[in-house]
Amino acid sequence: MRTRTATAAVVTTLILTGCSSGGDGGGKPSPTGTPAAAEKARTTRRCVDAIAERAANRGGAVRSHPVPEPCARLSDADYLDAYLKGVEQAHRDARDPSPEESGKATGDTGS
């Protein structure tokens, strides 16, 4: 299982470094503040969450197809990124329980 996670991390790093070359942006700001970019970010977040949930429900094993409904509008490259992030998120969540879960496990009431 660690091999898959490590492979996913390497692939993600390669994809991100390959796409982030210091090309000539002409000094123009990136369009991350546009409504389209905000919608894409929301869609990507929903996709990552859907994949993470699917992976958590299947013990970390999740196929890339069929594509979850929240991911249907993403390009292939964006879906691949979301898929890898979703699997990583599921593994991270399984390894490191949230503070609420760890408090419940120890009987801590937070007082």
Protein backbone atom coordinates (compact mmCIF):
# COMPACT_ATOMS: atom_id res chain seq x y z
CA MET A 1 0.00 0.00 0.00
CA ARG A 2 2.87 2.39 0.82
CA THR A 3 4.27 1.78 -2.68
CA ARG A 4 1.04 3.05 -4.24
CA THR A 5 1.04 6.13 -2.04
CA ALA A 6 4.69 6.83 -2.80
CA THR A 7 4.07 6.31 -6.50
CA ALA A 8 1.08 8.64 -6.41
CA ALA A 9 3.17 11.29 -4.67
CA VAL A 10 5.94 10.98 -7.25
CA VAL A 11 3.49 11.17 -10.15
CA THR A 12 1.81 14.21 -8.62
CA THR A 13 5.17 15.91 -8.12
CA LEU A 14 6.20 15.18 -11.70
CA ILE A 15 2.91 16.49 -13.05
CA LEU A 16 3.07 19.65 -10.98
CA THR A 17 6.70 20.42 -11.76
CA GLY A 18 6.16 19.74 -15.45
CA CYS A 19 3.20 22.11 -15.55
CA SER A 20 4.79 24.84 -13.50
CA SER A 21 7.72 25.71 -15.69
CA GLY A 22 8.64 29.36 -15.47
CA GLY A 23 7.16 30.19 -18.86
CA ASP A 24 6.64 33.75 -19.99
CA GLY A 25 3.53 34.98 -18.25
CA GLY A 26 4.13 38.47 -19.62
CA GLY A 27 3.89 39.87 -16.12
CA LYS A 28 0.12 39.33 -16.12
CA PRO A 29 -1.50 37.98 -12.96
CA SER A 30 -2.91 34.50 -13.18
CA PRO A 31 -6.69 34.24 -13.54
CA THR A 32 -7.18 32.43 -10.23
CA GLY A 33 -9.56 35.11 -9.02
CA THR A 34 -12.04 34.63 -11.85
CA PRO A 35 -15.47 33.08 -11.31
CA ALA A 36 -14.52 30.20 -13.64
CA ALA A 37 -11.41 29.46 -11.55
CA ALA A 38 -13.45 29.56 -8.34
CA GLU A 39 -16.01 27.14 -9.79
CA LYS A 40 -13.23 24.83 -10.99
CA ALA A 41 -11.71 24.88 -7.51
CA ARG A 42 -15.07 23.98 -5.93
CA THR A 43 -15.63 21.20 -8.46
CA THR A 44 -12.14 19.85 -7.86
CA ARG A 45 -12.63 19.93 -4.07
CA ARG A 46 -15.93 18.02 -4.37
CA CYS A 47 -14.21 15.49 -6.65
CA VAL A 48 -11.29 15.00 -4.23
CA ASP A 49 -13.75 14.50 -1.36
CA ALA A 50 -15.81 11.99 -3.37
CA ILE A 51 -12.73 9.96 -4.26
CA ALA A 52 -11.46 10.08 -0.66
CA GLU A 53 -14.83 8.88 0.61
CA ARG A 54 -14.91 6.08 -1.95
CA ALA A 55 -11.37 5.04 -0.98
CA ALA A 56 -12.20 5.15 2.74
CA ASN A 57 -15.24 2.93 2.19
CA ARG A 58 -13.16 0.39 0.30
CA GLY A 59 -10.15 0.15 2.58
CA GLY A 60 -7.99 2.47 0.47
CA ALA A 61 -8.54 0.64 -2.81
CA VAL A 62 -10.41 2.70 -5.36
CA ARG A 63 -10.61 2.42 -9.10
CA SER A 64 -10.32 5.52 -11.24
CA HIS A 65 -13.41 4.46 -13.21
CA PRO A 66 -16.33 4.88 -13.10
CA VAL A 67 -15.73 8.55 -12.51
CA PRO A 68 -17.65 9.89 -9.49
CA GLU A 69 -20.41 12.35 -10.45
CA PRO A 70 -18.67 15.43 -8.94
CA CYS A 71 -15.68 14.72 -11.21
CA ALA A 72 -17.55 14.41 -14.50
CA ARG A 73 -16.87 17.98 -15.66
CA LEU A 74 -13.12 17.92 -15.01
CA SER A 75 -10.58 17.47 -17.80
CA ASP A 76 -8.59 14.24 -17.79
CA ALA A 77 -5.54 16.00 -16.32
CA ASP A 78 -7.59 17.71 -13.61
CA TYR A 79 -9.33 14.43 -12.80
CA LEU A 80 -5.98 12.66 -12.46
CA ASP A 81 -4.78 15.34 -10.03
CA ALA A 82 -8.03 15.14 -8.04
CA TYR A 83 -7.90 11.33 -8.03
CA LEU A 84 -4.38 11.28 -6.62
CA LYS A 85 -5.22 13.93 -4.02
CA GLY A 86 -8.36 12.02 -3.02
CA VAL A 87 -6.48 8.76 -2.52
CA GLU A 88 -3.77 10.59 -0.56
CA GLN A 89 -6.43 12.28 1.57
CA ALA A 90 -8.09 8.94 2.34
CA HIS A 91 -4.76 7.40 3.37
CA ARG A 92 -3.87 10.44 5.49
CA ASP A 93 -7.29 10.35 7.20
CA ALA A 94 -6.95 6.63 7.90
CA ARG A 95 -3.49 7.13 9.37
CA ASP A 96 -4.16 10.32 11.36
CA PRO A 97 -7.63 10.49 12.94
CA SER A 98 -9.14 13.94 13.31
CA PRO A 99 -8.93 15.66 16.73
CA GLU A 100 -12.64 15.01 17.27
CA GLU A 101 -12.19 11.29 16.65
CA SER A 102 -9.11 11.03 18.84
CA GLY A 103 -10.95 12.89 21.65
CA LYS A 104 -13.83 10.43 21.44
CA ALA A 105 -11.46 7.50 21.54
CA THR A 106 -9.82 8.71 24.75
CA GLY A 107 -13.06 9.83 26.37
CA ASP A 108 -11.87 13.45 26.48
CA THR A 109 -14.81 15.81 26.77
CA GLY A 110 -12.76 18.90 25.96
CA SER A 111 -13.44 20.53 29.36
